[in-house]
């Protein structure tokens, strides 16, 4: 176990699986007390139990963070259970695949709620807690889909692009409070939802993976390491920045043409 987050309190949303789970486990192994959030009570509890079994401290807050009340409940739990909030990892999201011209209004609005609204609520609620202590760091999980077009992920990508802008704006607004705000844009990452989506990509999972700079999908644990850097004092001079992790170097069109 390390000590990069020793004495700190962190919230990780969407911590029941994938990058969120990997980040919560890593943060705890580095000394942080965790509020574990997921809308799936079973997976959230499993992550928290894994932390406790390893000797860490974790509390569970189940709820859909596209609703402000559930985000505020996470912050309130951190304050009541552990006395402060040092790290907010806004990770929870889901992607609805579909061609832009075929998406329903409901699909578009839902993507906005879970991808963008959840981050807005997370930033806002965290800042209101952190400003009283004069320190804190917020990490927003964007996506490579937010930097360039992604096949059948128009609604998801548009909102992930907005997360990048929100991150930069918030960073400027709260720097004087001692709060840092950064984002991560993971490229192809071997989470269960990503692998399921990639299987239906016209180039297949292997073709999609080859479009990444490393020629493969990242592991969730690798993205968690980037989140740890931004959450820790090792990045004390970094704010308003977006870190690209294993970005794609070729477009879907290029992949489909066999380049």
C-alpha atoms as a PDB file:
ATOM      1  CA  UNK A   1       0.000   0.000   0.000  1.00  0.00           C
ATOM      2  CA  UNK A   2       1.154   3.520  -0.803  1.00  0.00           C
ATOM      3  CA  UNK A   3       0.588   6.888   0.809  1.00  0.00           C
ATOM      4  CA  UNK A   4      -0.132   9.287  -2.053  1.00  0.00           C
ATOM      5  CA  UNK A   5      -3.593  10.037  -0.614  1.00  0.00           C
ATOM      6  CA  UNK A   6      -2.867   9.419   3.055  1.00  0.00           C
ATOM      7  CA  UNK A   7      -5.337  11.291   5.273  1.00  0.00           C
ATOM      8  CA  UNK A   8      -7.518  12.350   2.336  1.00  0.00           C
ATOM      9  CA  UNK A   9     -11.194  11.674   1.705  1.00  0.00           C
ATOM     10  CA  UNK A  10     -12.397  10.854  -1.803  1.00  0.00           C
ATOM     11  CA  UNK A  11     -15.684  10.321  -3.592  1.00  0.00           C
ATOM     12  CA  UNK A  12     -15.722   8.138  -6.700  1.00  0.00           C
ATOM     13  CA  UNK A  13     -18.948   8.004  -8.704  1.00  0.00           C
ATOM     14  CA  UNK A  14     -19.706   4.987 -10.838  1.00  0.00           C
ATOM     15  CA  UNK A  15     -17.334   2.977  -8.627  1.00  0.00           C
ATOM     16  CA  UNK A  16     -19.086  -0.351  -9.022  1.00  0.00           C
ATOM     17  CA  UNK A  17     -17.169  -1.410 -12.123  1.00  0.00           C
ATOM     18  CA  UNK A  18     -14.622  -0.425 -14.731  1.00  0.00           C
ATOM     19  CA  UNK A  19     -12.504   2.703 -14.314  1.00  0.00           C
ATOM     20  CA  UNK A  20     -14.494   3.821 -11.278  1.00  0.00           C
ATOM     21  CA  UNK A  21     -13.941   0.560  -9.442  1.00  0.00           C
ATOM     22  CA  UNK A  22     -10.254   0.508 -10.325  1.00  0.00           C
ATOM     23  CA  UNK A  23      -9.871   4.110  -9.161  1.00  0.00           C
ATOM     24  CA  UNK A  24     -11.681   3.556  -5.868  1.00  0.00           C
ATOM     25  CA  UNK A  25      -9.530   0.522  -5.062  1.00  0.00           C
ATOM     26  CA  UNK A  26      -6.347   2.365  -6.000  1.00  0.00           C
ATOM     27  CA  UNK A  27      -7.244   5.490  -4.030  1.00  0.00           C
ATOM     28  CA  UNK A  28      -7.946   3.361  -0.964  1.00  0.00           C
ATOM     29  CA  UNK A  29      -4.668   1.484  -1.361  1.00  0.00           C
ATOM     30  CA  UNK A  30      -2.948   4.875  -1.342  1.00  0.00           C
ATOM     31  CA  UNK A  31      -4.492   5.805   2.002  1.00  0.00           C
ATOM     32  CA  UNK A  32      -7.751   7.578   1.137  1.00  0.00           C
ATOM     33  CA  UNK A  33     -11.078   7.056   2.879  1.00  0.00           C
ATOM     34  CA  UNK A  34     -13.705   6.434   0.212  1.00  0.00           C
ATOM     35  CA  UNK A  35     -17.308   7.242  -0.455  1.00  0.00           C
ATOM     36  CA  UNK A  36     -18.208   4.655  -3.074  1.00  0.00           C
ATOM     37  CA  UNK A  37     -21.086   5.593  -5.351  1.00  0.00           C
ATOM     38  CA  UNK A  38     -22.928   3.586  -7.960  1.00  0.00           C
ATOM     39  CA  UNK A  39     -26.563   3.278  -8.942  1.00  0.00           C
ATOM     40  CA  UNK A  40     -26.146  -0.490  -8.598  1.00  0.00           C
ATOM     41  CA  UNK A  41     -26.203  -1.187  -4.859  1.00  0.00           C
ATOM     42  CA  UNK A  42     -24.692  -4.648  -5.241  1.00  0.00           C
ATOM     43  CA  UNK A  43     -21.593  -3.553  -7.177  1.00  0.00           C
ATOM     44  CA  UNK A  44     -21.085  -0.478  -4.987  1.00  0.00           C
ATOM     45  CA  UNK A  45     -21.181  -2.656  -1.875  1.00  0.00           C
ATOM     46  CA  UNK A  46     -18.761  -5.123  -3.453  1.00  0.00           C
ATOM     47  CA  UNK A  47     -16.232  -2.367  -4.132  1.00  0.00           C
ATOM     48  CA  UNK A  48     -16.582  -1.014  -0.607  1.00  0.00           C
ATOM     49  CA  UNK A  49     -16.181  -4.485   0.885  1.00  0.00           C
ATOM     50  CA  UNK A  50     -13.020  -5.050  -1.151  1.00  0.00           C
ATOM     51  CA  UNK A  51     -11.618  -1.820   0.291  1.00  0.00           C
ATOM     52  CA  UNK A  52     -12.501  -2.809   3.842  1.00  0.00           C
ATOM     53  CA  UNK A  53     -11.088  -6.297   3.382  1.00  0.00           C
ATOM     54  CA  UNK A  54      -7.774  -4.723   2.402  1.00  0.00           C
ATOM     55  CA  UNK A  55      -7.780  -2.639   5.579  1.00  0.00           C
ATOM     56  CA  UNK A  56      -9.244   0.574   4.178  1.00  0.00           C
ATOM     57  CA  UNK A  57     -12.264   2.656   5.094  1.00  0.00           C
ATOM     58  CA  UNK A  58     -15.261   2.996   2.801  1.00  0.00           C
ATOM     59  CA  UNK A  59     -18.876   4.147   2.947  1.00  0.00           C
ATOM     60  CA  UNK A  60     -21.508   3.478   0.285  1.00  0.00           C
ATOM     61  CA  UNK A  61     -23.950   5.923  -1.259  1.00  0.00           C
ATOM     62  CA  UNK A  62     -26.199   4.335  -3.849  1.00  0.00           C
ATOM     63  CA  UNK A  63     -27.896   6.561  -6.390  1.00  0.00           C
ATOM     64  CA  UNK A  64     -28.049   7.944  -9.904  1.00  0.00           C
ATOM     65  CA  UNK A  65     -25.722  10.969  -9.979  1.00  0.00           C
ATOM     66  CA  UNK A  66     -27.613  12.536 -12.862  1.00  0.00           C
ATOM     67  CA  UNK A  67     -29.850  13.715 -10.013  1.00  0.00           C
ATOM     68  CA  UNK A  68     -28.441  16.499  -7.861  1.00  0.00           C
ATOM     69  CA  UNK A  69     -29.831  15.076  -4.617  1.00  0.00           C
ATOM     70  CA  UNK A  70     -27.792  11.891  -5.035  1.00  0.00           C
ATOM     71  CA  UNK A  71     -24.582  13.827  -5.655  1.00  0.00           C
ATOM     72  CA  UNK A  72     -25.197  16.007  -2.635  1.00  0.00           C
ATOM     73  CA  UNK A  73     -25.851  12.867  -0.597  1.00  0.00           C
ATOM     74  CA  UNK A  74     -22.366  11.613  -1.507  1.00  0.00           C
ATOM     75  CA  UNK A  75     -20.795  14.864  -0.330  1.00  0.00           C
ATOM     76  CA  UNK A  76     -22.874  14.916   2.838  1.00  0.00           C
ATOM     77  CA  UNK A  77     -21.811  11.343   3.611  1.00  0.00           C
ATOM     78  CA  UNK A  78     -18.133  12.211   3.130  1.00  0.00           C
ATOM     79  CA  UNK A  79     -18.457  15.105   5.551  1.00  0.00           C
ATOM     80  CA  UNK A  80     -20.466  13.234   8.167  1.00  0.00           C
ATOM     81  CA  UNK A  81     -18.490   9.986   7.987  1.00  0.00           C
ATOM     82  CA  UNK A  82     -14.961  11.281   7.453  1.00  0.00           C
ATOM     83  CA  UNK A  83     -15.109  15.005   8.265  1.00  0.00           C
ATOM     84  CA  UNK A  84     -13.946  16.504   4.990  1.00  0.00           C
ATOM     85  CA  UNK A  85     -13.728  16.119   1.203  1.00  0.00           C
ATOM     86  CA  UNK A  86     -10.404  16.269  -0.623  1.00  0.00           C
ATOM     87  CA  UNK A  87     -10.989  14.450  -3.916  1.00  0.00           C
ATOM     88  CA  UNK A  88     -14.032  14.258  -6.181  1.00  0.00           C
ATOM     89  CA  UNK A  89     -13.767  11.859  -9.118  1.00  0.00           C
ATOM     90  CA  UNK A  90     -16.756  12.433 -11.390  1.00  0.00           C
ATOM     91  CA  UNK A  91     -16.591   9.172 -13.292  1.00  0.00           C
ATOM     92  CA  UNK A  92     -20.134   7.820 -13.701  1.00  0.00           C
ATOM     93  CA  UNK A  93     -21.457   7.783 -17.259  1.00  0.00           C
ATOM     94  CA  UNK A  94     -23.153   5.608 -19.807  1.00  0.00           C
ATOM     95  CA  UNK A  95     -23.177   5.701 -23.588  1.00  0.00           C
ATOM     96  CA  UNK A  96     -26.178   5.332 -25.867  1.00  0.00           C
ATOM     97  CA  UNK A  97     -25.043   4.220 -29.300  1.00  0.00           C
ATOM     98  CA  UNK A  98     -26.854   5.417 -32.387  1.00  0.00           C
ATOM     99  CA  UNK A  99     -26.425   7.439 -35.538  1.00  0.00           C
ATOM    100  CA  UNK A 100     -26.980  11.150 -34.910  1.00  0.00           C
ATOM    101  CA  UNK A 101     -29.823  11.295 -37.391  1.00  0.00           C
ATOM    102  CA  UNK A 102     -31.583   8.375 -35.678  1.00  0.00           C
ATOM    103  CA  UNK A 103     -31.259   9.340 -31.999  1.00  0.00           C
ATOM    104  CA  UNK A 104     -34.498  10.066 -30.192  1.00  0.00           C
ATOM    105  CA  UNK A 105     -34.968  13.203 -28.135  1.00  0.00           C
ATOM    106  CA  UNK A 106     -35.126  10.978 -25.061  1.00  0.00           C
ATOM    107  CA  UNK A 107     -31.751   9.387 -25.854  1.00  0.00           C
ATOM    108  CA  UNK A 108     -30.176  12.805 -26.374  1.00  0.00           C
ATOM    109  CA  UNK A 109     -31.559  14.206 -23.114  1.00  0.00           C
ATOM    110  CA  UNK A 110     -30.555  11.131 -21.128  1.00  0.00           C
ATOM    111  CA  UNK A 111     -26.987  11.352 -22.407  1.00  0.00           C
ATOM    112  CA  UNK A 112     -26.886  14.978 -21.312  1.00  0.00           C
ATOM    113  CA  UNK A 113     -28.186  14.069 -17.858  1.00  0.00           C
ATOM    114  CA  UNK A 114     -25.815  11.222 -17.061  1.00  0.00           C
ATOM    115  CA  UNK A 115     -22.706  12.468 -18.891  1.00  0.00           C
ATOM    116  CA  UNK A 116     -22.805  16.242 -18.380  1.00  0.00           C
ATOM    117  CA  UNK A 117     -25.325  17.062 -15.651  1.00  0.00           C
ATOM    118  CA  UNK A 118     -23.687  14.559 -13.305  1.00  0.00           C
ATOM    119  CA  UNK A 119     -20.313  16.280 -13.703  1.00  0.00           C
ATOM    120  CA  UNK A 120     -21.837  19.734 -13.245  1.00  0.00           C
ATOM    121  CA  UNK A 121     -23.510  18.606 -10.028  1.00  0.00           C
ATOM    122  CA  UNK A 122     -20.307  16.903  -8.896  1.00  0.00           C
ATOM    123  CA  UNK A 123     -18.182  19.988  -9.487  1.00  0.00           C
ATOM    124  CA  UNK A 124     -20.675  22.317  -7.868  1.00  0.00           C
ATOM    125  CA  UNK A 125     -21.326  20.206  -4.774  1.00  0.00           C
ATOM    126  CA  UNK A 126     -17.639  19.446  -4.283  1.00  0.00           C
ATOM    127  CA  UNK A 127     -16.559  23.080  -4.579  1.00  0.00           C
ATOM    128  CA  UNK A 128     -19.119  24.131  -1.982  1.00  0.00           C
ATOM    129  CA  UNK A 129     -17.632  21.602   0.455  1.00  0.00           C
ATOM    130  CA  UNK A 130     -13.960  22.157  -0.413  1.00  0.00           C
ATOM    131  CA  UNK A 131     -13.960  25.955  -0.291  1.00  0.00           C
ATOM    132  CA  UNK A 132     -14.449  25.885   3.475  1.00  0.00           C
ATOM    133  CA  UNK A 133     -11.144  24.036   3.909  1.00  0.00           C
ATOM    134  CA  UNK A 134      -9.284  25.958   1.205  1.00  0.00           C
ATOM    135  CA  UNK A 135      -8.132  22.909  -0.725  1.00  0.00           C
ATOM    136  CA  UNK A 136      -9.306  20.045  -2.879  1.00  0.00           C
ATOM    137  CA  UNK A 137      -9.008  18.459  -6.273  1.00  0.00           C
ATOM    138  CA  UNK A 138     -11.723  17.518  -8.749  1.00  0.00           C
ATOM    139  CA  UNK A 139     -11.124  15.029 -11.551  1.00  0.00           C
ATOM    140  CA  UNK A 140     -13.693  14.770 -14.332  1.00  0.00           C
ATOM    141  CA  UNK A 141     -13.752  11.724 -16.581  1.00  0.00           C
ATOM    142  CA  UNK A 142     -14.257  12.858 -20.156  1.00  0.00           C
ATOM    143  CA  UNK A 143     -13.509  10.638 -23.159  1.00  0.00           C
ATOM    144  CA  UNK A 144     -11.591  10.479 -26.394  1.00  0.00           C
ATOM    145  CA  UNK A 145     -15.050  10.700 -27.963  1.00  0.00           C
ATOM    146  CA  UNK A 146     -15.162  14.252 -26.624  1.00  0.00           C
ATOM    147  CA  UNK A 147     -12.143  15.278 -28.693  1.00  0.00           C
ATOM    148  CA  UNK A 148     -13.026  13.853 -32.105  1.00  0.00           C
ATOM    149  CA  UNK A 149     -15.982  12.180 -33.711  1.00  0.00           C
ATOM    150  CA  UNK A 150     -16.738   8.614 -32.666  1.00  0.00           C
ATOM    151  CA  UNK A 151     -18.832   6.147 -34.652  1.00  0.00           C
ATOM    152  CA  UNK A 152     -22.457   6.106 -33.416  1.00  0.00           C
ATOM    153  CA  UNK A 153     -21.520   7.999 -30.227  1.00  0.00           C
ATOM    154  CA  UNK A 154     -22.569  11.497 -31.207  1.00  0.00           C
ATOM    155  CA  UNK A 155     -24.665  12.293 -28.141  1.00  0.00           C
ATOM    156  CA  UNK A 156     -22.124  10.795 -25.766  1.00  0.00           C
ATOM    157  CA  UNK A 157     -19.204  12.552 -27.448  1.00  0.00           C
ATOM    158  CA  UNK A 158     -20.905  15.942 -27.581  1.00  0.00           C
ATOM    159  CA  UNK A 159     -21.507  15.870 -23.851  1.00  0.00           C
ATOM    160  CA  UNK A 160     -18.004  14.579 -23.108  1.00  0.00           C
ATOM    161  CA  UNK A 161     -16.671  17.553 -25.100  1.00  0.00           C
ATOM    162  CA  UNK A 162     -18.739  19.812 -22.858  1.00  0.00           C
ATOM    163  CA  UNK A 163     -17.124  18.164 -19.813  1.00  0.00           C
ATOM    164  CA  UNK A 164     -13.723  19.370 -21.059  1.00  0.00           C
ATOM    165  CA  UNK A 165     -14.960  22.944 -21.384  1.00  0.00           C
ATOM    166  CA  UNK A 166     -16.668  22.820 -17.999  1.00  0.00           C
ATOM    167  CA  UNK A 167     -13.435  21.543 -16.468  1.00  0.00           C
ATOM    168  CA  UNK A 168     -11.383  24.407 -17.876  1.00  0.00           C
ATOM    169  CA  UNK A 169     -13.916  27.023 -16.834  1.00  0.00           C
ATOM    170  CA  UNK A 170     -14.312  25.674 -13.325  1.00  0.00           C
ATOM    171  CA  UNK A 171     -10.540  25.488 -12.909  1.00  0.00           C
ATOM    172  CA  UNK A 172     -10.226  29.202 -13.662  1.00  0.00           C
ATOM    173  CA  UNK A 173     -13.059  30.103 -11.321  1.00  0.00           C
ATOM    174  CA  UNK A 174     -11.928  28.166  -8.246  1.00  0.00           C
ATOM    175  CA  UNK A 175      -8.135  28.313  -8.385  1.00  0.00           C
ATOM    176  CA  UNK A 176      -8.113  31.165  -5.863  1.00  0.00           C
ATOM    177  CA  UNK A 177      -9.948  28.865  -3.438  1.00  0.00           C
ATOM    178  CA  UNK A 178      -7.104  26.343  -3.513  1.00  0.00           C
ATOM    179  CA  UNK A 179      -9.150  23.888  -5.592  1.00  0.00           C
ATOM    180  CA  UNK A 180      -7.799  22.240  -8.732  1.00  0.00           C
ATOM    181  CA  UNK A 181      -9.993  20.861 -11.533  1.00  0.00           C
ATOM    182  CA  UNK A 182      -8.698  18.562 -14.278  1.00  0.00           C
ATOM    183  CA  UNK A 183     -10.047  16.021 -16.737  1.00  0.00           C
ATOM    184  CA  UNK A 184      -9.017  12.736 -18.322  1.00  0.00           C
ATOM    185  CA  UNK A 185      -9.947  11.573 -21.808  1.00  0.00           C
ATOM    186  CA  UNK A 186      -9.409   7.810 -21.940  1.00  0.00           C
ATOM    187  CA  UNK A 187      -9.049   6.296 -25.373  1.00  0.00           C
ATOM    188  CA  UNK A 188     -10.223   2.732 -26.003  1.00  0.00           C
ATOM    189  CA  UNK A 189     -10.377   1.070 -22.578  1.00  0.00           C
ATOM    190  CA  UNK A 190     -11.227  -2.542 -21.820  1.00  0.00           C
ATOM    191  CA  UNK A 191     -14.306  -1.994 -19.679  1.00  0.00           C
ATOM    192  CA  UNK A 192     -17.259  -4.304 -20.163  1.00  0.00           C
ATOM    193  CA  UNK A 193     -19.453  -1.648 -21.859  1.00  0.00           C
ATOM    194  CA  UNK A 194     -16.629  -0.547 -24.173  1.00  0.00           C
ATOM    195  CA  UNK A 195     -15.816  -4.096 -25.202  1.00  0.00           C
ATOM    196  CA  UNK A 196     -19.490  -4.820 -25.876  1.00  0.00           C
ATOM    197  CA  UNK A 197     -19.771  -1.668 -27.995  1.00  0.00           C
ATOM    198  CA  UNK A 198     -16.544  -2.444 -29.857  1.00  0.00           C
ATOM    199  CA  UNK A 199     -17.798  -5.891 -30.808  1.00  0.00           C
ATOM    200  CA  UNK A 200     -20.455  -4.155 -32.890  1.00  0.00           C
ATOM    201  CA  UNK A 201     -18.014  -1.700 -34.450  1.00  0.00           C
ATOM    202  CA  UNK A 202     -17.741  -2.269 -38.232  1.00  0.00           C
ATOM    203  CA  UNK A 203     -14.012  -2.966 -37.819  1.00  0.00           C
ATOM    204  CA  UNK A 204     -14.625  -5.224 -34.832  1.00  0.00           C
ATOM    205  CA  UNK A 205     -13.037  -5.025 -31.407  1.00  0.00           C
ATOM    206  CA  UNK A 206      -9.548  -5.735 -32.750  1.00  0.00           C
ATOM    207  CA  UNK A 207      -9.799  -3.047 -35.419  1.00  0.00           C
ATOM    208  CA  UNK A 208     -11.101  -0.509 -32.929  1.00  0.00           C
ATOM    209  CA  UNK A 209      -8.290  -1.333 -30.486  1.00  0.00           C
ATOM    210  CA  UNK A 210      -5.674  -0.870 -33.198  1.00  0.00           C
ATOM    211  CA  UNK A 211      -6.865   2.704 -33.687  1.00  0.00           C
ATOM    212  CA  UNK A 212      -5.386   3.631 -30.289  1.00  0.00           C
ATOM    213  CA  UNK A 213      -1.880   5.063 -30.128  1.00  0.00           C
ATOM    214  CA  UNK A 214      -0.642   2.077 -28.126  1.00  0.00           C
ATOM    215  CA  UNK A 215      -2.270  -0.322 -30.586  1.00  0.00           C
ATOM    216  CA  UNK A 216      -4.368  -1.856 -27.835  1.00  0.00           C
ATOM    217  CA  UNK A 217      -7.065  -1.017 -25.320  1.00  0.00           C
ATOM    218  CA  UNK A 218      -5.961   0.439 -22.007  1.00  0.00           C
ATOM    219  CA  UNK A 219      -6.793  -1.419 -18.820  1.00  0.00           C
ATOM    220  CA  UNK A 220      -9.055   0.357 -16.301  1.00  0.00           C
ATOM    221  CA  UNK A 221      -6.196   0.157 -13.790  1.00  0.00           C
ATOM    222  CA  UNK A 222      -4.017   2.224 -16.132  1.00  0.00           C
ATOM    223  CA  UNK A 223      -6.585   5.014 -16.308  1.00  0.00           C
ATOM    224  CA  UNK A 224      -6.926   4.852 -12.534  1.00  0.00           C
ATOM    225  CA  UNK A 225      -3.225   5.660 -12.249  1.00  0.00           C
ATOM    226  CA  UNK A 226      -3.803   8.868 -14.213  1.00  0.00           C
ATOM    227  CA  UNK A 227      -6.682   9.732 -11.884  1.00  0.00           C
ATOM    228  CA  UNK A 228      -4.418   9.099  -8.884  1.00  0.00           C
ATOM    229  CA  UNK A 229      -1.818  11.511 -10.230  1.00  0.00           C
ATOM    230  CA  UNK A 230      -4.424  14.257 -10.635  1.00  0.00           C
ATOM    231  CA  UNK A 231      -5.962  13.496  -7.242  1.00  0.00           C
ATOM    232  CA  UNK A 232      -2.653  13.584  -5.381  1.00  0.00           C
ATOM    233  CA  UNK A 233      -0.257  16.348  -4.401  1.00  0.00           C
ATOM    234  CA  UNK A 234       2.088  15.107  -7.129  1.00  0.00           C
ATOM    235  CA  UNK A 235       0.021  17.255  -9.517  1.00  0.00           C
ATOM    236  CA  UNK A 236      -0.159  20.276  -7.199  1.00  0.00           C
ATOM    237  CA  UNK A 237       0.661  22.691 -10.043  1.00  0.00           C
ATOM    238  CA  UNK A 238      -1.709  21.112 -12.555  1.00  0.00           C
ATOM    239  CA  UNK A 239      -5.174  22.585 -13.076  1.00  0.00           C
ATOM    240  CA  UNK A 240      -7.444  23.253 -16.029  1.00  0.00           C
ATOM    241  CA  UNK A 241      -5.707  20.464 -17.906  1.00  0.00           C
ATOM    242  CA  UNK A 242      -7.055  17.504 -19.867  1.00  0.00           C
ATOM    243  CA  UNK A 243      -4.839  14.427 -19.999  1.00  0.00           C
ATOM    244  CA  UNK A 244      -5.293  12.185 -23.018  1.00  0.00           C
ATOM    245  CA  UNK A 245      -4.696   8.548 -22.099  1.00  0.00           C
ATOM    246  CA  UNK A 246      -3.917   6.241 -25.034  1.00  0.00           C
ATOM    247  CA  UNK A 247      -5.721   8.475 -27.554  1.00  0.00           C
ATOM    248  CA  UNK A 248      -6.926   7.214 -30.894  1.00  0.00           C
ATOM    249  CA  UNK A 249      -4.674   8.165 -33.790  1.00  0.00           C
ATOM    250  CA  UNK A 250      -6.965   7.132 -36.621  1.00  0.00           C
ATOM    251  CA  UNK A 251     -10.584   7.925 -37.325  1.00  0.00           C
ATOM    252  CA  UNK A 252     -13.357   5.391 -37.716  1.00  0.00           C
ATOM    253  CA  UNK A 253     -13.350   6.109 -41.430  1.00  0.00           C
ATOM    254  CA  UNK A 254      -9.634   5.311 -41.679  1.00  0.00           C
ATOM    255  CA  UNK A 255     -10.092   2.113 -39.691  1.00  0.00           C
ATOM    256  CA  UNK A 256     -12.926   1.032 -41.957  1.00  0.00           C
ATOM    257  CA  UNK A 257     -10.822   1.703 -45.048  1.00  0.00           C
ATOM    258  CA  UNK A 258      -8.244  -0.705 -43.682  1.00  0.00           C
ATOM    259  CA  UNK A 259      -5.422   1.747 -43.052  1.00  0.00           C
END
